N, C-alpha and C. Protein backbone atom coordinates (compact mmCIF):
# COMPACT_ATOMS: atom_id res chain seq x y z
N MET A 1 -7.49 11.27 8.51
CA MET A 1 -7.19 9.85 8.31
C MET A 1 -8.44 9.05 8.63
N PRO A 2 -8.80 8.09 7.81
CA PRO A 2 -9.97 7.29 8.08
C PRO A 2 -9.74 6.38 9.29
N GLY A 3 -10.83 5.92 9.86
CA GLY A 3 -10.73 5.03 11.02
C GLY A 3 -10.25 3.64 10.66
N LYS A 4 -10.46 3.24 9.42
CA LYS A 4 -10.03 1.92 8.97
C LYS A 4 -9.24 2.04 7.68
N MET A 5 -8.34 1.12 7.46
CA MET A 5 -7.55 1.10 6.24
C MET A 5 -8.43 0.54 5.12
N LEU A 6 -8.75 1.32 4.14
CA LEU A 6 -9.66 0.90 3.10
C LEU A 6 -9.11 -0.26 2.28
N TYR A 7 -7.83 -0.27 2.02
CA TYR A 7 -7.26 -1.26 1.12
C TYR A 7 -6.34 -2.25 1.82
N ILE A 8 -5.92 -1.95 3.00
CA ILE A 8 -4.93 -2.81 3.64
C ILE A 8 -5.43 -3.40 4.96
N GLU A 9 -6.68 -3.20 5.26
CA GLU A 9 -7.24 -3.66 6.53
C GLU A 9 -6.96 -5.14 6.79
N GLU A 10 -7.20 -6.01 5.79
CA GLU A 10 -7.00 -7.43 6.01
C GLU A 10 -5.54 -7.83 6.08
N ASP A 11 -4.63 -6.93 5.73
CA ASP A 11 -3.21 -7.26 5.73
C ASP A 11 -2.48 -6.72 6.95
N VAL A 12 -3.17 -6.04 7.84
CA VAL A 12 -2.56 -5.58 9.07
C VAL A 12 -2.41 -6.79 9.98
N LEU A 13 -1.26 -6.91 10.59
CA LEU A 13 -0.99 -8.06 11.42
C LEU A 13 -1.83 -8.04 12.70
N PRO A 14 -2.06 -9.20 13.33
CA PRO A 14 -2.90 -9.28 14.49
C PRO A 14 -2.49 -8.42 15.68
N THR A 15 -1.25 -7.97 15.71
CA THR A 15 -0.83 -7.12 16.84
C THR A 15 -1.51 -5.76 16.79
N GLN A 16 -2.12 -5.43 15.65
CA GLN A 16 -2.78 -4.14 15.50
C GLN A 16 -4.29 -4.32 15.58
N THR A 17 -4.81 -4.37 16.78
CA THR A 17 -6.23 -4.60 16.93
C THR A 17 -6.99 -3.33 17.23
N GLU A 18 -6.30 -2.27 17.59
CA GLU A 18 -6.94 -1.00 17.89
C GLU A 18 -7.24 -0.25 16.60
N ASP A 19 -8.04 0.79 16.74
CA ASP A 19 -8.31 1.67 15.61
C ASP A 19 -6.99 2.27 15.10
N VAL A 20 -6.86 2.36 13.78
CA VAL A 20 -5.63 2.85 13.18
C VAL A 20 -5.24 4.23 13.68
N LYS A 21 -6.18 5.13 13.73
CA LYS A 21 -5.88 6.48 14.19
C LYS A 21 -5.34 6.48 15.62
N ALA A 22 -5.90 5.67 16.49
CA ALA A 22 -5.44 5.59 17.87
C ALA A 22 -4.03 5.02 17.94
N LEU A 23 -3.74 4.05 17.04
CA LEU A 23 -2.40 3.42 17.04
C LEU A 23 -1.30 4.45 16.78
N TRP A 24 -1.56 5.37 15.85
CA TRP A 24 -0.49 6.27 15.40
C TRP A 24 -0.77 7.72 15.72
N GLU A 25 -1.67 7.96 16.65
CA GLU A 25 -2.06 9.33 16.98
C GLU A 25 -0.88 10.23 17.31
N ASP A 26 0.07 9.71 18.06
CA ASP A 26 1.21 10.51 18.50
C ASP A 26 2.46 10.28 17.66
N ASP A 27 2.32 9.65 16.52
CA ASP A 27 3.49 9.35 15.71
C ASP A 27 3.30 9.89 14.29
N PRO A 28 3.79 11.11 14.06
CA PRO A 28 3.56 11.73 12.73
C PRO A 28 4.21 10.97 11.58
N ILE A 29 5.32 10.30 11.81
CA ILE A 29 5.97 9.55 10.75
C ILE A 29 5.11 8.36 10.32
N LYS A 30 4.54 7.65 11.29
CA LYS A 30 3.67 6.54 10.95
C LYS A 30 2.39 7.03 10.29
N ARG A 31 1.88 8.16 10.70
CA ARG A 31 0.69 8.72 10.03
C ARG A 31 1.01 9.06 8.59
N LEU A 32 2.20 9.62 8.36
CA LEU A 32 2.64 9.94 7.00
C LEU A 32 2.80 8.67 6.17
N MET A 33 3.41 7.65 6.76
CA MET A 33 3.59 6.38 6.07
C MET A 33 2.23 5.77 5.72
N TYR A 34 1.31 5.81 6.66
CA TYR A 34 -0.04 5.28 6.41
C TYR A 34 -0.67 6.02 5.23
N ALA A 35 -0.58 7.34 5.24
CA ALA A 35 -1.19 8.14 4.16
C ALA A 35 -0.56 7.80 2.81
N LEU A 36 0.76 7.65 2.80
CA LEU A 36 1.46 7.30 1.57
C LEU A 36 1.01 5.92 1.07
N MET A 37 0.91 4.97 1.96
CA MET A 37 0.48 3.61 1.58
C MET A 37 -0.96 3.62 1.09
N GLU A 38 -1.82 4.33 1.79
CA GLU A 38 -3.24 4.37 1.38
C GLU A 38 -3.37 4.97 -0.02
N ASP A 39 -2.68 6.10 -0.26
CA ASP A 39 -2.75 6.74 -1.60
C ASP A 39 -2.17 5.82 -2.67
N ALA A 40 -1.06 5.15 -2.37
CA ALA A 40 -0.42 4.26 -3.34
C ALA A 40 -1.35 3.12 -3.71
N LEU A 41 -2.00 2.54 -2.72
CA LEU A 41 -2.89 1.42 -3.00
C LEU A 41 -4.13 1.85 -3.75
N LYS A 42 -4.61 3.03 -3.49
CA LYS A 42 -5.74 3.55 -4.27
C LYS A 42 -5.33 3.67 -5.73
N LEU A 43 -4.14 4.22 -5.97
CA LEU A 43 -3.65 4.36 -7.34
C LEU A 43 -3.42 3.00 -8.01
N ALA A 44 -2.89 2.06 -7.28
CA ALA A 44 -2.58 0.75 -7.84
C ALA A 44 -3.81 -0.11 -8.07
N MET A 45 -4.85 0.09 -7.27
CA MET A 45 -5.99 -0.82 -7.30
C MET A 45 -7.24 -0.25 -7.97
N GLU A 46 -7.35 1.07 -8.03
CA GLU A 46 -8.56 1.65 -8.62
C GLU A 46 -8.40 1.80 -10.12
N ARG A 47 -9.49 2.12 -10.74
CA ARG A 47 -9.49 2.32 -12.20
C ARG A 47 -8.40 3.31 -12.58
N GLU A 48 -7.65 2.98 -13.58
CA GLU A 48 -6.53 3.82 -13.98
C GLU A 48 -7.00 5.10 -14.63
N VAL A 49 -6.74 6.18 -13.97
CA VAL A 49 -7.06 7.51 -14.52
C VAL A 49 -5.81 8.08 -15.15
N ASN A 50 -4.66 7.85 -14.50
CA ASN A 50 -3.39 8.33 -15.01
C ASN A 50 -2.45 7.13 -15.12
N PRO A 51 -2.32 6.58 -16.32
CA PRO A 51 -1.51 5.36 -16.50
C PRO A 51 -0.07 5.49 -16.01
N LEU A 52 0.56 6.66 -16.20
CA LEU A 52 1.94 6.82 -15.75
C LEU A 52 2.02 6.74 -14.23
N GLU A 53 1.15 7.44 -13.51
CA GLU A 53 1.15 7.38 -12.05
C GLU A 53 0.87 5.96 -11.57
N THR A 54 -0.05 5.29 -12.23
CA THR A 54 -0.38 3.93 -11.84
C THR A 54 0.83 3.02 -12.00
N ARG A 55 1.53 3.13 -13.14
CA ARG A 55 2.71 2.30 -13.41
C ARG A 55 3.83 2.59 -12.40
N VAL A 56 4.08 3.87 -12.13
CA VAL A 56 5.13 4.25 -11.17
C VAL A 56 4.77 3.72 -9.77
N THR A 57 3.51 3.84 -9.41
CA THR A 57 3.07 3.35 -8.10
C THR A 57 3.21 1.84 -7.99
N ARG A 58 2.79 1.13 -9.02
CA ARG A 58 2.93 -0.33 -9.00
C ARG A 58 4.40 -0.75 -8.97
N ASN A 59 5.25 -0.03 -9.66
CA ASN A 59 6.70 -0.33 -9.60
C ASN A 59 7.22 -0.13 -8.20
N TRP A 60 6.75 0.91 -7.50
CA TRP A 60 7.15 1.16 -6.10
C TRP A 60 6.72 0.01 -5.22
N ILE A 61 5.50 -0.49 -5.42
CA ILE A 61 5.00 -1.58 -4.60
C ILE A 61 5.81 -2.85 -4.79
N PHE A 62 6.27 -3.11 -6.01
CA PHE A 62 7.01 -4.34 -6.29
C PHE A 62 8.54 -4.18 -6.19
N SER A 63 8.98 -3.00 -5.83
CA SER A 63 10.40 -2.76 -5.68
C SER A 63 10.94 -3.48 -4.44
N GLU A 64 12.19 -3.88 -4.51
CA GLU A 64 12.87 -4.52 -3.38
C GLU A 64 13.69 -3.48 -2.57
N ASP A 65 13.57 -2.23 -2.92
CA ASP A 65 14.26 -1.16 -2.22
C ASP A 65 13.87 -1.19 -0.75
N GLU A 66 14.80 -0.85 0.13
CA GLU A 66 14.54 -0.84 1.56
C GLU A 66 14.82 0.52 2.17
N GLY A 67 14.69 1.58 1.39
CA GLY A 67 14.92 2.93 1.89
C GLY A 67 13.82 3.33 2.88
N LEU A 68 13.97 4.50 3.48
CA LEU A 68 13.06 4.97 4.53
C LEU A 68 11.60 4.91 4.14
N PHE A 69 11.26 5.42 2.95
CA PHE A 69 9.88 5.44 2.51
C PHE A 69 9.61 4.45 1.39
N SER A 70 10.37 3.34 1.39
CA SER A 70 10.13 2.28 0.44
C SER A 70 8.87 1.50 0.88
N PHE A 71 8.28 0.81 -0.06
CA PHE A 71 7.12 -0.02 0.23
C PHE A 71 7.45 -1.03 1.34
N LEU A 72 8.56 -1.73 1.19
CA LEU A 72 8.91 -2.77 2.18
C LEU A 72 9.14 -2.19 3.57
N ASN A 73 9.79 -1.04 3.66
CA ASN A 73 10.02 -0.45 4.96
C ASN A 73 8.73 0.06 5.60
N ILE A 74 7.87 0.68 4.80
CA ILE A 74 6.60 1.14 5.34
C ILE A 74 5.78 -0.04 5.85
N CYS A 75 5.75 -1.12 5.08
CA CYS A 75 5.06 -2.32 5.54
C CYS A 75 5.62 -2.83 6.85
N ALA A 76 6.93 -2.85 6.98
CA ALA A 76 7.56 -3.31 8.20
C ALA A 76 7.22 -2.42 9.38
N VAL A 77 7.34 -1.13 9.18
CA VAL A 77 7.05 -0.18 10.28
C VAL A 77 5.59 -0.25 10.72
N LEU A 78 4.67 -0.36 9.75
CA LEU A 78 3.24 -0.37 10.05
C LEU A 78 2.73 -1.78 10.35
N GLU A 79 3.63 -2.77 10.31
CA GLU A 79 3.27 -4.18 10.55
C GLU A 79 2.18 -4.64 9.60
N ILE A 80 2.44 -4.43 8.31
CA ILE A 80 1.51 -4.83 7.26
C ILE A 80 2.16 -5.94 6.46
N ASN A 81 1.40 -6.92 6.07
CA ASN A 81 1.90 -8.05 5.30
C ASN A 81 2.12 -7.63 3.85
N SER A 82 3.36 -7.35 3.48
CA SER A 82 3.68 -6.85 2.14
C SER A 82 3.37 -7.84 1.04
N GLU A 83 3.59 -9.12 1.30
CA GLU A 83 3.36 -10.14 0.28
C GLU A 83 1.87 -10.29 -0.02
N ASN A 84 1.02 -10.16 0.98
CA ASN A 84 -0.42 -10.22 0.74
C ASN A 84 -0.87 -9.05 -0.12
N ILE A 85 -0.34 -7.88 0.16
CA ILE A 85 -0.71 -6.72 -0.64
C ILE A 85 -0.22 -6.90 -2.07
N ARG A 86 1.01 -7.34 -2.24
CA ARG A 86 1.54 -7.57 -3.58
C ARG A 86 0.70 -8.60 -4.34
N SER A 87 0.31 -9.64 -3.67
CA SER A 87 -0.53 -10.66 -4.31
C SER A 87 -1.87 -10.06 -4.74
N ARG A 88 -2.46 -9.26 -3.87
CA ARG A 88 -3.74 -8.63 -4.21
C ARG A 88 -3.60 -7.68 -5.40
N VAL A 89 -2.50 -6.92 -5.45
CA VAL A 89 -2.28 -6.02 -6.56
C VAL A 89 -2.07 -6.84 -7.85
N ASN A 90 -1.32 -7.92 -7.77
CA ASN A 90 -1.11 -8.78 -8.93
C ASN A 90 -2.43 -9.36 -9.44
N ARG A 91 -3.28 -9.81 -8.52
CA ARG A 91 -4.60 -10.35 -8.93
C ARG A 91 -5.41 -9.27 -9.61
N HIS A 92 -5.35 -8.06 -9.08
CA HIS A 92 -6.08 -6.94 -9.68
C HIS A 92 -5.56 -6.65 -11.08
N ILE A 93 -4.26 -6.65 -11.25
CA ILE A 93 -3.66 -6.39 -12.57
C ILE A 93 -4.11 -7.47 -13.56
N ALA A 94 -4.05 -8.73 -13.14
CA ALA A 94 -4.46 -9.81 -14.02
C ALA A 94 -5.94 -9.71 -14.38
N LYS A 95 -6.74 -9.35 -13.39
CA LYS A 95 -8.19 -9.25 -13.61
C LYS A 95 -8.56 -8.11 -14.55
N THR A 96 -7.87 -7.00 -14.44
CA THR A 96 -8.21 -5.83 -15.26
C THR A 96 -7.53 -5.87 -16.62
N SER A 97 -6.51 -6.73 -16.77
CA SER A 97 -5.77 -6.85 -18.05
C SER A 97 -5.42 -5.53 -18.67
N SER A 98 -4.89 -4.63 -17.89
CA SER A 98 -4.53 -3.31 -18.36
C SER A 98 -3.28 -3.34 -19.22
N PRO A 99 -3.24 -2.51 -20.27
CA PRO A 99 -1.98 -2.42 -21.06
C PRO A 99 -0.88 -1.72 -20.27
N TYR A 100 -1.23 -1.14 -19.12
CA TYR A 100 -0.25 -0.45 -18.29
C TYR A 100 0.12 -1.30 -17.08
N ALA A 101 -0.07 -2.56 -17.17
CA ALA A 101 0.22 -3.48 -16.06
C ALA A 101 1.69 -3.36 -15.69
N ARG A 102 1.95 -3.72 -14.48
CA ARG A 102 3.29 -3.61 -13.89
C ARG A 102 4.33 -4.30 -14.77
N SER A 103 5.43 -3.60 -14.94
CA SER A 103 6.58 -4.21 -15.64
C SER A 103 7.77 -4.15 -14.70
N ARG A 104 8.49 -5.23 -14.57
CA ARG A 104 9.63 -5.25 -13.68
C ARG A 104 10.91 -5.34 -14.48
């Protein structure tokens, strides 16, 4: 796990001032959630290599589902601002004007 969140660093709430790895060192569920979020944001924000995976990932980010490994729940558990991330993904989609942009 990297020392800093590559894509969500600015969206971590102020209560998380320590290094990410130190925060969740003893919590395998939070480490798993972090890894899932990091991978999802890489897929949603980076150049689209696999349009289907990108679309599925973006749909997950914009879903209102509140299941255990839903975007909203992971954000809540990791104290990440979900609306800021969604706004950033939306800006990225608009900027790249992809034909595979998120559909709701």
